[in-house]
Amino acid sequence: MKDTAGGESGAGTVRVKALGFLSARLPGGRPVDLPVGSGGSLAVREAMRLAGLPEDEVFVIIVNGRKRVTADHLLTRGDEVTFVPPVAGG
């Protein structure tokens, strides 16, 4: 796992971002790049695990800033996945 707060996601990686309290669970509280295996894809669930994000604390998963997906979705090289926690207000 590589901290890449200042760079762009490489061709062999997926970028992992987290919002709200989930961001504190990422190393340094910053987006990280995870390597994509030789098969060219990485399941969202596996990305969560590798990034240290508990699945039960993720409410919404967004890929490339616009597509809502499930934990079974396969990410491909260059994708950016954002994990959003539940939000409550009053």
N, C-alpha and C. Protein backbone atom coordinates (compact mmCIF):
# COMPACT_ATOMS: atom_id res chain seq x y z
N MET A 1 0.85 -1.16 0.00
CA MET A 1 0.00 0.00 0.00
C MET A 1 0.90 1.22 0.00
N LYS A 2 0.60 2.17 -0.84
CA LYS A 2 1.43 3.35 -0.99
C LYS A 2 0.62 4.60 -0.72
N ASP A 3 1.15 5.50 0.09
CA ASP A 3 0.51 6.78 0.34
C ASP A 3 0.78 7.67 -0.86
N THR A 4 -0.27 8.16 -1.45
CA THR A 4 -0.10 8.94 -2.69
C THR A 4 -0.89 10.22 -2.63
N ALA A 5 -0.87 10.89 -1.53
CA ALA A 5 -1.69 12.09 -1.38
C ALA A 5 -1.37 13.14 -2.42
N GLY A 6 -0.15 13.17 -2.91
CA GLY A 6 0.20 14.20 -3.86
C GLY A 6 0.24 13.74 -5.30
N GLY A 7 0.08 12.45 -5.56
CA GLY A 7 0.23 11.95 -6.92
C GLY A 7 -1.05 11.42 -7.49
N GLU A 8 -0.96 10.91 -8.70
CA GLU A 8 -2.12 10.32 -9.35
C GLU A 8 -2.03 8.82 -9.31
N SER A 9 -3.20 8.18 -9.40
CA SER A 9 -3.26 6.73 -9.38
C SER A 9 -2.54 6.17 -10.61
N GLY A 10 -1.66 5.21 -10.39
CA GLY A 10 -0.92 4.63 -11.50
C GLY A 10 -1.74 3.61 -12.26
N ALA A 11 -1.19 3.17 -13.39
CA ALA A 11 -1.89 2.24 -14.26
C ALA A 11 -2.11 0.89 -13.60
N GLY A 12 -1.25 0.51 -12.64
CA GLY A 12 -1.38 -0.79 -12.00
C GLY A 12 -1.99 -0.72 -10.62
N THR A 13 -2.71 0.36 -10.33
CA THR A 13 -3.28 0.52 -9.00
C THR A 13 -4.71 1.03 -9.06
N VAL A 14 -5.37 0.96 -7.91
CA VAL A 14 -6.65 1.64 -7.72
C VAL A 14 -6.46 2.60 -6.55
N ARG A 15 -7.08 3.74 -6.62
CA ARG A 15 -6.98 4.75 -5.56
C ARG A 15 -8.13 4.52 -4.59
N VAL A 16 -7.82 4.52 -3.30
CA VAL A 16 -8.81 4.35 -2.25
C VAL A 16 -8.92 5.64 -1.46
N LYS A 17 -10.14 6.18 -1.38
CA LYS A 17 -10.42 7.37 -0.60
C LYS A 17 -11.51 7.04 0.40
N ALA A 18 -11.55 7.76 1.50
CA ALA A 18 -12.59 7.57 2.50
C ALA A 18 -13.00 8.93 3.04
N LEU A 19 -14.29 9.08 3.32
CA LEU A 19 -14.82 10.34 3.82
C LEU A 19 -15.19 10.20 5.29
N GLY A 20 -15.37 11.35 5.94
CA GLY A 20 -15.81 11.37 7.32
C GLY A 20 -14.85 10.64 8.24
N PHE A 21 -15.40 9.99 9.25
CA PHE A 21 -14.56 9.30 10.23
C PHE A 21 -13.77 8.15 9.62
N LEU A 22 -14.19 7.65 8.47
CA LEU A 22 -13.46 6.56 7.82
C LEU A 22 -12.07 7.00 7.36
N SER A 23 -11.92 8.27 7.03
CA SER A 23 -10.62 8.73 6.52
C SER A 23 -9.52 8.55 7.57
N ALA A 24 -9.87 8.60 8.83
CA ALA A 24 -8.88 8.40 9.88
C ALA A 24 -8.34 6.98 9.91
N ARG A 25 -9.04 6.05 9.30
CA ARG A 25 -8.59 4.65 9.27
C ARG A 25 -7.56 4.40 8.18
N LEU A 26 -7.47 5.30 7.20
CA LEU A 26 -6.46 5.15 6.16
C LEU A 26 -5.11 5.60 6.70
N PRO A 27 -4.02 4.99 6.24
CA PRO A 27 -2.69 5.41 6.71
C PRO A 27 -2.48 6.91 6.51
N GLY A 28 -2.21 7.60 7.58
CA GLY A 28 -2.00 9.04 7.51
C GLY A 28 -3.27 9.83 7.25
N GLY A 29 -4.41 9.16 7.23
CA GLY A 29 -5.68 9.83 6.95
C GLY A 29 -5.78 10.34 5.52
N ARG A 30 -4.99 9.76 4.62
CA ARG A 30 -4.95 10.21 3.23
C ARG A 30 -5.28 9.08 2.27
N PRO A 31 -5.67 9.43 1.03
CA PRO A 31 -5.92 8.39 0.02
C PRO A 31 -4.68 7.52 -0.18
N VAL A 32 -4.92 6.27 -0.51
CA VAL A 32 -3.83 5.33 -0.78
C VAL A 32 -4.09 4.63 -2.11
N ASP A 33 -3.02 4.19 -2.73
CA ASP A 33 -3.12 3.38 -3.94
C ASP A 33 -2.85 1.94 -3.56
N LEU A 34 -3.69 1.04 -4.08
CA LEU A 34 -3.50 -0.39 -3.86
C LEU A 34 -3.16 -1.04 -5.18
N PRO A 35 -2.25 -2.01 -5.18
CA PRO A 35 -1.90 -2.67 -6.43
C PRO A 35 -3.03 -3.57 -6.91
N VAL A 36 -3.16 -3.62 -8.22
CA VAL A 36 -4.13 -4.52 -8.85
C VAL A 36 -3.35 -5.76 -9.27
N GLY A 37 -3.89 -6.92 -8.98
CA GLY A 37 -3.20 -8.16 -9.29
C GLY A 37 -3.04 -8.40 -10.78
N SER A 38 -2.40 -9.48 -11.10
CA SER A 38 -2.12 -9.82 -12.50
C SER A 38 -3.40 -10.04 -13.30
N GLY A 39 -4.51 -10.32 -12.61
CA GLY A 39 -5.78 -10.49 -13.30
C GLY A 39 -6.39 -9.19 -13.78
N GLY A 40 -5.83 -8.07 -13.33
CA GLY A 40 -6.30 -6.77 -13.79
C GLY A 40 -7.48 -6.20 -13.03
N SER A 41 -7.89 -6.86 -11.93
CA SER A 41 -9.01 -6.33 -11.17
C SER A 41 -8.82 -6.62 -9.69
N LEU A 42 -9.58 -5.89 -8.88
CA LEU A 42 -9.55 -6.03 -7.43
C LEU A 42 -10.97 -5.80 -6.93
N ALA A 43 -11.51 -6.73 -6.16
CA ALA A 43 -12.86 -6.57 -5.63
C ALA A 43 -12.88 -5.44 -4.61
N VAL A 44 -13.96 -4.68 -4.58
CA VAL A 44 -14.12 -3.59 -3.63
C VAL A 44 -13.94 -4.10 -2.21
N ARG A 45 -14.52 -5.25 -1.91
CA ARG A 45 -14.42 -5.83 -0.57
C ARG A 45 -12.95 -6.04 -0.17
N GLU A 46 -12.14 -6.51 -1.11
CA GLU A 46 -10.72 -6.73 -0.86
C GLU A 46 -10.00 -5.39 -0.68
N ALA A 47 -10.37 -4.39 -1.45
CA ALA A 47 -9.78 -3.05 -1.30
C ALA A 47 -10.09 -2.51 0.10
N MET A 48 -11.31 -2.71 0.57
CA MET A 48 -11.67 -2.28 1.93
C MET A 48 -10.78 -2.96 2.96
N ARG A 49 -10.62 -4.26 2.80
CA ARG A 49 -9.81 -5.03 3.75
C ARG A 49 -8.35 -4.55 3.74
N LEU A 50 -7.78 -4.41 2.55
CA LEU A 50 -6.39 -3.98 2.44
C LEU A 50 -6.16 -2.58 2.98
N ALA A 51 -7.16 -1.72 2.86
CA ALA A 51 -7.04 -0.35 3.34
C ALA A 51 -7.37 -0.22 4.83
N GLY A 52 -7.85 -1.30 5.45
CA GLY A 52 -8.16 -1.26 6.87
C GLY A 52 -9.51 -0.64 7.20
N LEU A 53 -10.44 -0.70 6.25
CA LEU A 53 -11.78 -0.13 6.47
C LEU A 53 -12.78 -1.24 6.79
N PRO A 54 -13.41 -1.21 7.96
CA PRO A 54 -14.39 -2.23 8.31
C PRO A 54 -15.64 -2.12 7.42
N GLU A 55 -16.01 -3.22 6.82
CA GLU A 55 -17.15 -3.22 5.89
C GLU A 55 -18.43 -2.74 6.57
N ASP A 56 -18.60 -3.05 7.84
CA ASP A 56 -19.84 -2.66 8.53
C ASP A 56 -19.91 -1.16 8.83
N GLU A 57 -18.82 -0.43 8.59
CA GLU A 57 -18.83 1.01 8.80
C GLU A 57 -18.98 1.80 7.50
N VAL A 58 -19.07 1.08 6.38
CA VAL A 58 -19.21 1.72 5.06
C VAL A 58 -20.68 1.70 4.66
N PHE A 59 -21.22 2.85 4.31
CA PHE A 59 -22.63 2.96 3.93
C PHE A 59 -22.80 3.03 2.42
N VAL A 60 -21.96 3.81 1.74
CA VAL A 60 -22.04 3.98 0.29
C VAL A 60 -20.65 3.80 -0.29
N ILE A 61 -20.59 3.16 -1.46
CA ILE A 61 -19.34 2.96 -2.18
C ILE A 61 -19.51 3.60 -3.56
N ILE A 62 -18.61 4.51 -3.89
CA ILE A 62 -18.69 5.22 -5.17
C ILE A 62 -17.41 4.97 -5.96
N VAL A 63 -17.56 4.64 -7.24
CA VAL A 63 -16.41 4.42 -8.11
C VAL A 63 -16.33 5.54 -9.13
N ASN A 64 -15.15 6.09 -9.26
CA ASN A 64 -14.84 7.15 -10.23
C ASN A 64 -15.77 8.36 -10.11
N GLY A 65 -16.17 8.64 -8.86
CA GLY A 65 -16.93 9.85 -8.56
C GLY A 65 -18.37 9.87 -9.00
N ARG A 66 -18.90 8.77 -9.54
CA ARG A 66 -20.28 8.85 -10.00
C ARG A 66 -21.08 7.55 -9.95
N LYS A 67 -20.45 6.42 -9.88
CA LYS A 67 -21.17 5.15 -9.93
C LYS A 67 -21.22 4.50 -8.55
N ARG A 68 -22.44 4.30 -8.03
CA ARG A 68 -22.62 3.62 -6.74
C ARG A 68 -22.57 2.12 -6.99
N VAL A 69 -21.76 1.41 -6.20
CA VAL A 69 -21.56 -0.03 -6.41
C VAL A 69 -21.69 -0.78 -5.09
N THR A 70 -21.64 -2.11 -5.18
CA THR A 70 -21.64 -2.97 -4.00
C THR A 70 -20.21 -3.45 -3.74
N ALA A 71 -20.02 -4.12 -2.60
CA ALA A 71 -18.70 -4.61 -2.23
C ALA A 71 -18.19 -5.70 -3.17
N ASP A 72 -19.07 -6.30 -3.97
CA ASP A 72 -18.67 -7.34 -4.91
C ASP A 72 -18.16 -6.78 -6.24
N HIS A 73 -18.31 -5.49 -6.45
CA HIS A 73 -17.89 -4.85 -7.71
C HIS A 73 -16.39 -5.04 -7.91
N LEU A 74 -15.99 -5.27 -9.16
CA LEU A 74 -14.58 -5.41 -9.48
C LEU A 74 -14.01 -4.08 -9.97
N LEU A 75 -12.98 -3.62 -9.29
CA LEU A 75 -12.27 -2.41 -9.68
C LEU A 75 -11.20 -2.79 -10.69
N THR A 76 -10.94 -1.91 -11.63
CA THR A 76 -9.87 -2.14 -12.60
C THR A 76 -8.82 -1.05 -12.47
N ARG A 77 -7.69 -1.27 -13.09
CA ARG A 77 -6.57 -0.34 -13.01
C ARG A 77 -7.00 1.09 -13.31
N GLY A 78 -6.56 2.01 -12.44
CA GLY A 78 -6.88 3.41 -12.63
C GLY A 78 -8.18 3.86 -11.99
N ASP A 79 -9.00 2.92 -11.49
CA ASP A 79 -10.25 3.30 -10.83
C ASP A 79 -9.96 4.02 -9.52
N GLU A 80 -10.92 4.84 -9.10
CA GLU A 80 -10.87 5.49 -7.79
C GLU A 80 -12.14 5.11 -7.05
N VAL A 81 -11.98 4.54 -5.88
CA VAL A 81 -13.14 4.13 -5.07
C VAL A 81 -13.18 4.97 -3.81
N THR A 82 -14.37 5.47 -3.51
CA THR A 82 -14.57 6.31 -2.32
C THR A 82 -15.56 5.63 -1.40
N PHE A 83 -15.17 5.51 -0.13
CA PHE A 83 -16.02 4.88 0.87
C PHE A 83 -16.64 5.97 1.74
N VAL A 84 -17.96 5.91 1.89
CA VAL A 84 -18.70 6.93 2.62
C VAL A 84 -19.36 6.27 3.84
N PRO A 85 -19.17 6.84 5.02
CA PRO A 85 -19.80 6.27 6.21
C PRO A 85 -21.25 6.72 6.32
N PRO A 86 -22.02 6.08 7.21
CA PRO A 86 -23.37 6.58 7.47
C PRO A 86 -23.29 7.99 8.07
N VAL A 87 -24.27 8.80 7.76
CA VAL A 87 -24.30 10.16 8.27
C VAL A 87 -25.62 10.36 9.00
N ALA A 88 -25.56 10.94 10.18
CA ALA A 88 -26.77 11.23 10.94
C ALA A 88 -26.78 12.71 11.29
N GLY A 89 -27.94 13.22 11.38
CA GLY A 89 -28.05 14.63 11.73
C GLY A 89 -29.35 14.90 12.48
N GLY A 90 -29.50 16.08 12.87
CA GLY A 90 -30.70 16.33 13.65
C GLY A 90 -31.19 17.70 13.54
